[in-house]
Amino acid sequence: MLKTIQIIALLQGLFLLFILFKHKENYKKPNFWLLLGSVISVLFYAIGDDDYNLFVEDANWFLFHETLIITFFFLFVRYYKSEKETFNSKDFLFFIPYVVNVLLHIGAAIGLLEPHTFFTVLIRLIELTFAVYLLYSIYDVFKAEKEKWLLFFIIPLTLIFIIDELSFVITNSNESPYFLDSYGIILIAVFLFYFVLYKLIITPKDVLPTSQDSKYKTSTLTDTSIEHLKNELKRLVVGEKWFKNQKLTVDDVAKELKVPRQQLSEVLNIHMQMGFQDFLNHYRVEEFIQYLQNDTYKNYTLLGIANEVGFNSKSSFNTVFKKLKGMTPSQYKKMLSDDEYA
């Protein structure tokens, strides 16, 4: 029975890879490669299960544990809502728990590491990291609007992973109850491949965000017009401080500059590597810092100054400020005060 499921997963997985590669130019690269990594890791787990390897009897393919699937899906969820067109090399650090986990298991299997209390505790701590990855992914998806379909895979995978870990703690055995890790994850794989294929055919944008580059393939902008539009954009939004307008939209700016909205979006997204709101928020934060050091605004609250420079809510202001400056507005204000009296 399991071999039949594995073969179905293999065929569906290979077909899904074919579809993904066929249209890869249309999608954002980080999202495409992370989904590809997720599919391949699921596929290898499905056919190279330690207990029921489809091709090699009693083989133990240490590299293809569910921990690799979890890591790829965690990163895929992180990048799903991101406007980034490139993968941040720092995010490779999220693979460290997986690599350490694999090395420990290989070391134990070939006799370099003797299983003892410290070894067991270390393994459990590392695997706790993957539980955090899963739980955070669920939380992140719940906050979003479009990617709820991911829950159909992440929640069952989380339950299987947690049950498997609890089973080890209780029984001190690596055998999952009712072979839940083997049957469960491979069945989920079959469902996942079918569902993603369906979504890619019916509503592809719900699976992978479209690359900004593909939106502007028919662009008529020249290098000269791009530079001119950049300068005009900064003159209007920064020089004339339009960023202080809390209701400012990209359509307002395009209308004032007498250019098509698409051309303005292209300059921002492709040639300045930022979205319209990111562009506004950068200058709003810089203006906030200037106001913070101005005696005219010394009796203003932090939120009051934030409203003056264009932010319309406390939560968005705090989120943006911490993202750009690495600390909260109140921490930044305290730092300025400490420097002043140092």
Protein backbone atom coordinates (compact mmCIF):
# COMPACT_ATOMS: atom_id res chain seq x y z
CA MET A 1 0.00 0.00 0.00
CA LEU A 2 2.74 2.45 0.99
CA LYS A 3 4.71 1.74 -2.20
CA THR A 4 1.66 2.70 -4.26
CA ILE A 5 1.38 5.99 -2.37
CA GLN A 6 5.12 6.60 -2.85
CA ILE A 7 4.84 6.02 -6.61
CA ILE A 8 1.87 8.40 -6.83
CA ALA A 9 3.85 11.02 -4.90
CA LEU A 10 6.85 10.50 -7.19
CA LEU A 11 4.82 10.92 -10.39
CA GLN A 12 2.92 13.95 -9.10
CA GLY A 13 6.10 15.51 -7.75
CA LEU A 14 7.95 15.14 -11.06
CA PHE A 15 5.01 16.62 -12.96
CA LEU A 16 4.88 19.53 -10.51
CA LEU A 17 8.61 20.18 -11.00
CA PHE A 18 8.05 20.21 -14.77
CA ILE A 19 5.25 22.80 -14.44
CA LEU A 20 7.30 24.98 -12.09
CA PHE A 21 10.36 25.01 -14.36
CA LYS A 22 8.23 25.70 -17.43
CA HIS A 23 7.03 29.02 -15.96
CA LYS A 24 9.93 29.91 -13.66
CA GLU A 25 10.68 33.21 -15.43
CA ASN A 26 7.29 34.55 -14.33
CA TYR A 27 7.90 34.18 -10.61
CA LYS A 28 10.01 35.91 -7.99
CA LYS A 29 13.26 33.99 -7.73
CA PRO A 30 13.37 33.49 -3.93
CA ASN A 31 9.79 32.23 -3.86
CA PHE A 32 10.35 29.96 -6.85
CA TRP A 33 13.53 28.36 -5.51
CA LEU A 34 12.14 27.94 -2.00
CA LEU A 35 9.00 26.23 -3.31
CA LEU A 36 11.20 24.11 -5.56
CA GLY A 37 13.37 23.15 -2.58
CA SER A 38 10.25 22.32 -0.58
CA VAL A 39 8.88 20.08 -3.33
CA ILE A 40 12.21 18.30 -3.87
CA SER A 41 12.73 17.73 -0.13
CA VAL A 42 9.19 16.33 0.18
CA LEU A 43 9.77 14.18 -2.91
CA PHE A 44 13.03 12.72 -1.57
CA TYR A 45 11.40 12.03 1.79
CA ALA A 46 8.51 10.27 0.07
CA ILE A 47 10.72 7.94 -1.96
CA GLY A 48 13.70 7.69 0.41
CA ASP A 49 11.95 7.06 3.71
CA ASP A 50 14.32 5.38 6.20
CA ASP A 51 11.82 2.61 6.96
CA TYR A 52 10.38 2.16 3.48
CA ASN A 53 12.91 3.27 0.88
CA LEU A 54 11.33 2.88 -2.54
CA PHE A 55 14.57 1.94 -4.34
CA VAL A 56 17.07 0.64 -1.79
CA GLU A 57 15.93 -1.75 0.91
CA ASP A 58 16.80 -0.74 4.50
CA ALA A 59 18.65 2.36 3.26
CA ASN A 60 19.05 5.32 5.59
CA TRP A 61 19.24 8.54 3.61
CA PHE A 62 20.15 10.93 6.40
CA LEU A 63 19.91 14.04 4.23
CA PHE A 64 16.20 13.67 3.52
CA HIS A 65 14.51 13.98 6.89
CA GLU A 66 11.33 15.94 7.53
CA THR A 67 13.52 18.64 9.10
CA LEU A 68 14.64 19.71 5.61
CA ILE A 69 11.00 19.98 4.50
CA ILE A 70 10.22 22.09 7.57
CA THR A 71 13.14 24.47 6.95
CA PHE A 72 12.24 25.04 3.30
CA PHE A 73 8.57 25.64 4.08
CA PHE A 74 9.45 27.99 6.94
CA LEU A 75 11.51 30.13 4.55
CA PHE A 76 8.89 29.87 1.80
CA VAL A 77 6.27 31.31 4.16
CA ARG A 78 8.69 34.09 5.21
CA TYR A 79 9.24 35.14 1.62
CA TYR A 80 5.67 34.68 0.45
CA LYS A 81 4.59 38.18 1.49
CA SER A 82 8.00 39.75 0.95
CA GLU A 83 8.61 42.20 -1.89
CA LYS A 84 12.22 41.03 -2.18
CA GLU A 85 13.35 39.90 -5.61
CA THR A 86 16.54 38.29 -4.26
CA PHE A 87 17.30 35.81 -1.49
CA ASN A 88 19.00 37.27 1.58
CA SER A 89 22.17 35.25 2.13
CA LYS A 90 21.73 35.60 5.92
CA ASP A 91 18.66 33.38 5.67
CA PHE A 92 20.92 30.42 4.90
CA LEU A 93 21.59 30.46 8.66
CA PHE A 94 18.14 28.92 9.15
CA PHE A 95 19.55 25.70 7.65
CA ILE A 96 22.14 25.38 10.44
CA PRO A 97 19.86 23.32 12.77
CA TYR A 98 19.14 20.93 9.88
CA VAL A 99 22.84 20.51 9.03
CA VAL A 100 23.80 19.97 12.70
CA ASN A 101 20.95 17.49 13.12
CA VAL A 102 22.10 15.48 10.09
CA LEU A 103 25.74 15.48 11.20
CA LEU A 104 24.80 14.25 14.68
CA HIS A 105 22.72 11.40 13.27
CA ILE A 106 25.45 10.39 10.82
CA GLY A 107 28.05 10.55 13.60
CA ALA A 108 25.93 8.29 15.79
CA ALA A 109 25.22 5.85 12.93
CA ILE A 110 28.90 5.33 12.04
CA GLY A 111 30.04 5.16 15.64
CA LEU A 112 31.83 8.51 15.94
CA LEU A 113 29.31 9.70 18.52
CA GLU A 114 28.09 7.56 21.38
CA PRO A 115 24.42 8.12 22.29
CA HIS A 116 24.27 9.46 25.84
CA THR A 117 22.27 11.98 27.83
CA PHE A 118 24.01 15.08 26.42
CA PHE A 119 23.67 13.78 22.86
CA THR A 120 19.96 13.08 23.35
CA VAL A 121 19.30 16.47 24.96
CA LEU A 122 21.15 18.24 22.13
CA ILE A 123 19.11 16.39 19.49
CA ARG A 124 15.87 17.30 21.27
CA LEU A 125 16.88 20.96 21.55
CA ILE A 126 17.69 21.09 17.85
CA GLU A 127 14.41 19.44 16.95
CA LEU A 128 12.63 21.95 19.19
CA THR A 129 13.92 24.54 16.72
CA PHE A 130 11.96 22.86 13.95
CA ALA A 131 8.82 22.88 16.09
CA VAL A 132 9.32 26.64 16.48
CA TYR A 133 9.73 26.95 12.70
CA LEU A 134 6.43 25.17 12.19
CA LEU A 135 4.50 27.08 14.85
CA TYR A 136 5.83 30.40 13.61
CA SER A 137 4.86 29.47 10.03
CA ILE A 138 1.31 28.71 11.18
CA TYR A 139 1.17 32.05 13.03
CA ASP A 140 2.54 33.89 9.97
CA VAL A 141 0.01 32.28 7.64
CA PHE A 142 -2.90 33.05 9.99
CA LYS A 143 -1.93 36.73 9.86
CA ALA A 144 -1.93 36.78 6.06
CA GLU A 145 -4.85 36.97 3.66
CA LYS A 146 -3.98 34.81 0.67
CA GLU A 147 -1.76 31.91 1.66
CA LYS A 148 -4.24 30.11 3.92
CA TRP A 149 -3.91 27.08 1.62
CA LEU A 150 -0.49 26.46 3.17
CA LEU A 151 -2.20 25.53 6.44
CA PHE A 152 -3.50 22.34 4.82
CA PHE A 153 0.09 21.13 4.70
CA ILE A 154 1.77 22.88 7.64
CA ILE A 155 -0.78 21.99 10.34
CA PRO A 156 -0.79 18.19 9.65
CA LEU A 157 3.02 18.25 9.35
CA THR A 158 3.22 20.07 12.70
CA LEU A 159 0.93 17.57 14.41
CA ILE A 160 2.90 14.61 13.05
CA PHE A 161 6.22 16.16 14.07
CA ILE A 162 5.03 16.98 17.61
CA ILE A 163 3.42 13.54 18.10
CA ASP A 164 6.63 11.92 16.88
CA GLU A 165 8.73 13.94 19.34
CA LEU A 166 6.38 13.30 22.26
CA SER A 167 6.38 9.61 21.42
CA PHE A 168 10.17 9.54 21.69
CA VAL A 169 10.11 11.35 25.05
CA ILE A 170 7.54 8.90 26.44
CA THR A 171 8.81 5.62 24.94
CA ASN A 172 12.46 6.48 24.24
CA SER A 173 11.99 4.85 20.84
CA ASN A 174 12.51 6.36 17.40
CA GLU A 175 9.60 4.34 16.02
CA SER A 176 6.73 6.71 15.33
CA PRO A 177 3.31 5.43 16.54
CA TYR A 178 1.47 3.61 13.75
CA PHE A 179 4.33 4.64 11.40
CA LEU A 180 2.77 8.11 11.44
CA ASP A 181 5.90 9.82 10.16
CA SER A 182 6.11 7.51 7.12
CA TYR A 183 2.46 7.11 6.12
CA GLY A 184 1.40 10.54 7.38
CA ILE A 185 4.02 12.70 5.70
CA ILE A 186 3.94 10.76 2.43
CA LEU A 187 0.13 11.02 2.29
CA ILE A 188 0.43 14.74 2.96
CA ALA A 189 2.97 14.91 0.12
CA VAL A 190 0.49 13.36 -2.32
CA PHE A 191 -2.17 15.87 -1.25
CA LEU A 192 0.28 18.79 -1.37
CA PHE A 193 1.53 18.01 -4.88
CA TYR A 194 -2.02 17.61 -6.19
CA PHE A 195 -3.20 20.81 -4.51
CA VAL A 196 -0.24 22.93 -5.66
CA LEU A 197 -0.65 21.63 -9.22
CA TYR A 198 -4.34 22.55 -9.11
CA LYS A 199 -3.56 26.05 -7.76
CA LEU A 200 -0.81 26.63 -10.35
CA ILE A 201 -3.27 25.87 -13.13
CA ILE A 202 -6.33 27.70 -11.73
CA THR A 203 -4.86 30.60 -9.67
CA PRO A 204 -1.06 30.61 -10.10
CA LYS A 205 -0.56 33.93 -8.28
CA ASP A 206 -1.90 32.34 -5.08
CA VAL A 207 1.05 29.94 -5.10
CA LEU A 208 3.92 32.10 -6.34
CA PRO A 209 3.99 35.91 -6.50
CA THR A 210 4.75 37.28 -9.94
CA SER A 211 8.23 38.68 -10.49
CA GLN A 212 8.37 42.43 -10.89
CA ASP A 213 10.69 41.94 -13.86
CA SER A 214 8.02 40.02 -15.77
CA LYS A 215 5.51 42.85 -15.26
CA TYR A 216 7.70 45.33 -17.10
CA LYS A 217 8.96 43.29 -20.05
CA THR A 218 7.29 45.72 -22.48
CA SER A 219 8.69 48.83 -20.77
CA THR A 220 9.51 51.82 -23.00
CA LEU A 221 11.60 53.63 -20.38
CA THR A 222 15.15 54.58 -21.37
CA ASP A 223 18.09 55.15 -19.00
CA THR A 224 17.63 58.91 -19.38
CA SER A 225 13.91 58.83 -18.64
CA ILE A 226 14.52 56.54 -15.65
CA GLU A 227 17.01 58.97 -14.11
CA HIS A 228 14.73 61.92 -14.85
CA LEU A 229 11.78 60.18 -13.19
CA LYS A 230 13.92 59.28 -10.17
CA ASN A 231 14.94 62.90 -9.73
CA GLU A 232 11.41 64.20 -10.18
CA LEU A 233 10.08 61.65 -7.70
CA LYS A 234 12.61 62.72 -5.05
CA ARG A 235 12.00 66.39 -5.76
CA LEU A 236 8.28 66.04 -5.22
CA VAL A 237 8.06 63.45 -2.44
CA VAL A 238 11.25 64.36 -0.55
CA GLY A 239 12.06 67.94 -1.51
CA GLU A 240 8.47 69.16 -1.19
CA LYS A 241 7.84 66.71 1.65
CA TRP A 242 4.81 65.03 0.13
CA PHE A 243 5.68 62.00 2.24
CA LYS A 244 4.01 63.81 5.19
CA ASN A 245 0.63 63.25 3.53
CA GLN A 246 -0.79 60.18 5.30
CA LYS A 247 -3.14 59.42 2.41
CA LEU A 248 -0.61 59.80 -0.38
CA THR A 249 -0.85 57.11 -3.07
CA VAL A 250 1.30 56.16 -6.02
CA ASP A 251 -1.56 57.34 -8.26
CA ASP A 252 -1.39 60.83 -6.70
CA VAL A 253 2.33 61.09 -7.46
CA ALA A 254 1.96 59.67 -10.98
CA LYS A 255 -0.79 62.20 -11.72
CA GLU A 256 1.30 65.12 -10.44
CA LEU A 257 4.35 64.01 -12.44
CA LYS A 258 2.16 63.38 -15.51
CA VAL A 259 3.48 59.85 -16.06
CA PRO A 260 1.67 56.49 -16.26
CA ARG A 261 1.36 54.76 -12.89
CA GLN A 262 3.07 51.66 -14.32
CA GLN A 263 6.21 53.64 -15.23
CA LEU A 264 6.43 55.09 -11.73
CA SER A 265 5.99 51.63 -10.19
CA GLU A 266 8.68 50.26 -12.50
CA VAL A 267 11.18 52.91 -11.43
CA LEU A 268 10.48 52.22 -7.77
CA ASN A 269 10.34 48.41 -7.86
CA ILE A 270 13.02 47.68 -10.46
CA HIS A 271 15.42 50.61 -10.51
CA MET A 272 15.19 51.74 -6.88
CA GLN A 273 14.53 48.27 -5.41
CA MET A 274 11.72 49.35 -3.09
CA GLY A 275 7.94 49.60 -3.00
CA PHE A 276 6.12 52.93 -2.83
CA GLN A 277 5.33 52.61 0.89
CA ASP A 278 8.93 51.63 1.69
CA PHE A 279 10.09 54.73 -0.19
CA LEU A 280 7.75 56.99 1.82
CA ASN A 281 8.50 55.32 5.15
CA HIS A 282 12.26 55.69 4.72
CA TYR A 283 11.96 59.48 4.53
CA ARG A 284 9.26 59.60 7.20
CA VAL A 285 11.61 57.88 9.65
CA GLU A 286 14.47 60.24 8.77
CA GLU A 287 12.16 63.23 9.26
CA PHE A 288 10.97 61.79 12.57
CA ILE A 289 14.58 61.65 13.80
CA GLN A 290 15.10 65.29 12.75
CA TYR A 291 11.96 66.33 14.65
CA LEU A 292 13.07 64.33 17.67
CA GLN A 293 16.18 66.52 17.93
CA ASN A 294 14.27 69.75 17.33
CA ASP A 295 13.29 71.74 20.46
CA THR A 296 10.08 72.82 18.71
CA TYR A 297 8.74 69.27 19.16
CA LYS A 298 10.18 68.48 22.61
CA ASN A 299 6.70 68.47 24.17
CA TYR A 300 5.25 66.19 21.51
CA THR A 301 4.69 62.52 22.20
CA LEU A 302 6.45 60.01 19.96
CA LEU A 303 3.13 59.21 18.28
CA GLY A 304 2.45 62.91 17.86
CA ILE A 305 5.72 63.38 15.97
CA ALA A 306 5.04 60.22 13.96
CA ASN A 307 1.69 61.65 12.85
CA GLU A 308 3.39 64.91 11.88
CA VAL A 309 5.77 63.12 9.50
CA GLY A 310 3.11 60.98 7.81
CA PHE A 311 2.49 57.82 9.85
CA ASN A 312 -1.16 57.15 10.56
CA SER A 313 -0.96 54.41 13.20
CA LYS A 314 1.22 53.57 16.17
CA SER A 315 1.67 49.91 15.19
CA SER A 316 2.82 50.60 11.61
CA PHE A 317 5.15 53.36 12.84
CA ASN A 318 6.77 51.12 15.46
CA THR A 319 7.13 48.24 12.99
CA VAL A 320 8.69 50.38 10.26
CA PHE A 321 11.01 52.24 12.65
CA LYS A 322 12.34 49.05 14.23
CA LYS A 323 12.84 47.47 10.80
CA LEU A 324 14.88 50.44 9.56
CA LYS A 325 16.76 51.37 12.74
CA GLY A 326 16.96 48.08 14.62
CA MET A 327 15.33 49.48 17.77
CA THR A 328 12.02 50.94 18.92
CA PRO A 329 11.38 54.72 18.72
CA SER A 330 11.51 55.01 22.53
CA GLN A 331 14.85 53.17 22.63
CA TYR A 332 16.18 55.49 19.95
CA LYS A 333 15.02 58.55 21.89
CA LYS A 334 16.70 57.24 25.04
CA MET A 335 19.90 56.64 23.09
CA LEU A 336 19.86 60.26 21.90
CA SER A 337 19.32 61.46 25.48
CA ASP A 338 22.20 59.31 26.78
CA ASP A 339 24.50 60.66 24.06
CA GLU A 340 23.49 64.21 24.91
CA TYR A 341 24.36 63.87 28.59
CA ALA A 342 27.38 61.63 28.13
